[in-house]
Amino acid sequence: MAKHNLISYKIEDKRTCEICIQAKMTRKKAFPKVERNTNLLELLHSNICELNDILTRGGNRYFITFIDDYSKYTYVYLMKHKDQAW
């Protein structure tokens, strides 16, 4: 509209909002890029979790997950006690 002289516009009137500037900023990557393994079962991730005082039908309170880094295949094993992870 300013190009067609429909409104008057001065460059001095243009202000940039600090919040707008922060919203348009790009974030630094939180984690460096990691090379993934190229063979099955070369690297496994596992974790033991509790079901927060909720029991399954079989009376299991804990579960352990195994995740293959290459294929992302995941296996979940239910346990009644943490010492079953041995």
Protein backbone atom coordinates (compact mmCIF):
# COMPACT_ATOMS: atom_id res chain seq x y z
CA MET A 1 0.00 0.00 0.00
CA ALA A 2 2.91 2.32 0.68
CA LYS A 3 4.23 1.63 -2.83
CA HIS A 4 0.99 2.95 -4.34
CA ASN A 5 0.91 6.00 -2.03
CA LEU A 6 -2.27 4.83 -0.35
CA ILE A 7 -0.78 5.25 3.11
CA SER A 8 2.18 7.21 4.36
CA TYR A 9 4.97 5.13 5.77
CA LYS A 10 8.25 6.25 7.23
CA ILE A 11 11.15 3.94 7.84
CA GLU A 12 11.72 5.53 11.26
CA ASP A 13 8.29 4.28 12.35
CA LYS A 14 9.27 0.68 11.73
CA ARG A 15 10.14 -1.01 15.01
CA THR A 16 11.08 -4.62 15.51
CA CYS A 17 9.61 -6.39 18.46
CA GLU A 18 12.14 -8.30 20.57
CA ILE A 19 9.78 -11.26 20.92
CA CYS A 20 9.35 -11.41 17.12
CA ILE A 21 13.12 -11.53 16.68
CA GLN A 22 13.46 -14.33 19.24
CA ALA A 23 10.63 -16.30 17.62
CA LYS A 24 12.39 -16.23 14.25
CA MET A 25 15.77 -17.31 15.66
CA THR A 26 16.96 -20.77 14.79
CA ARG A 27 17.93 -23.05 17.63
CA LYS A 28 21.25 -24.77 17.93
CA LYS A 29 20.99 -28.50 17.57
CA ALA A 30 20.84 -30.04 21.02
CA PHE A 31 22.56 -33.27 20.05
CA PRO A 32 25.39 -33.87 17.61
CA LYS A 33 24.67 -36.09 14.62
CA VAL A 34 25.42 -39.70 15.47
CA GLU A 35 26.32 -42.42 13.03
CA ARG A 36 24.05 -45.42 13.40
CA ASN A 37 25.29 -48.97 13.39
CA THR A 38 25.12 -50.87 10.14
CA ASN A 39 24.74 -54.43 11.46
CA LEU A 40 21.91 -56.13 13.29
CA LEU A 41 22.41 -56.56 17.04
CA GLU A 42 25.67 -54.58 17.00
CA LEU A 43 24.26 -52.12 19.54
CA LEU A 44 21.26 -52.71 21.84
CA HIS A 45 19.56 -50.22 24.12
CA SER A 46 17.68 -51.44 27.18
CA ASN A 47 15.69 -49.86 29.98
CA ILE A 48 13.80 -51.12 33.03
CA CYS A 49 10.60 -49.29 33.96
CA GLU A 50 7.98 -49.60 36.69
CA LEU A 51 4.25 -49.48 35.95
CA ASN A 52 3.59 -47.05 38.86
CA ASP A 53 1.75 -49.36 41.26
CA ILE A 54 -0.34 -50.84 38.45
CA LEU A 55 -0.17 -54.59 38.00
CA THR A 56 -0.84 -56.43 34.77
CA ARG A 57 -3.22 -59.37 34.68
CA GLY A 58 -0.30 -61.70 35.33
CA GLY A 59 0.83 -59.67 38.36
CA ASN A 60 3.80 -58.00 36.61
CA ARG A 61 4.93 -54.64 37.95
CA TYR A 62 8.04 -53.98 35.81
CA PHE A 63 9.01 -54.23 32.16
CA ILE A 64 12.31 -54.16 30.33
CA THR A 65 12.74 -53.02 26.74
CA PHE A 66 15.41 -54.09 24.27
CA ILE A 67 15.84 -51.96 21.13
CA ASP A 68 18.17 -52.82 18.25
CA ASP A 69 19.90 -49.63 17.10
CA TYR A 70 20.06 -50.65 13.43
CA SER A 71 16.61 -52.11 12.76
CA LYS A 72 14.75 -50.35 15.62
CA TYR A 73 13.21 -53.75 16.45
CA THR A 74 11.82 -53.53 19.98
CA TYR A 75 11.08 -56.32 22.41
CA VAL A 76 9.28 -55.77 25.72
CA TYR A 77 9.60 -58.34 28.51
CA LEU A 78 7.28 -58.18 31.54
CA MET A 79 8.70 -58.92 35.03
CA LYS A 80 7.29 -59.29 38.52
CA HIS A 81 10.57 -58.24 40.20
CA LYS A 82 13.55 -56.20 39.01
CA ASP A 83 15.95 -59.01 39.84
CA GLN A 84 14.46 -61.01 36.96
CA ALA A 85 16.47 -58.77 34.59
CA TRP A 86 19.59 -60.82 35.33
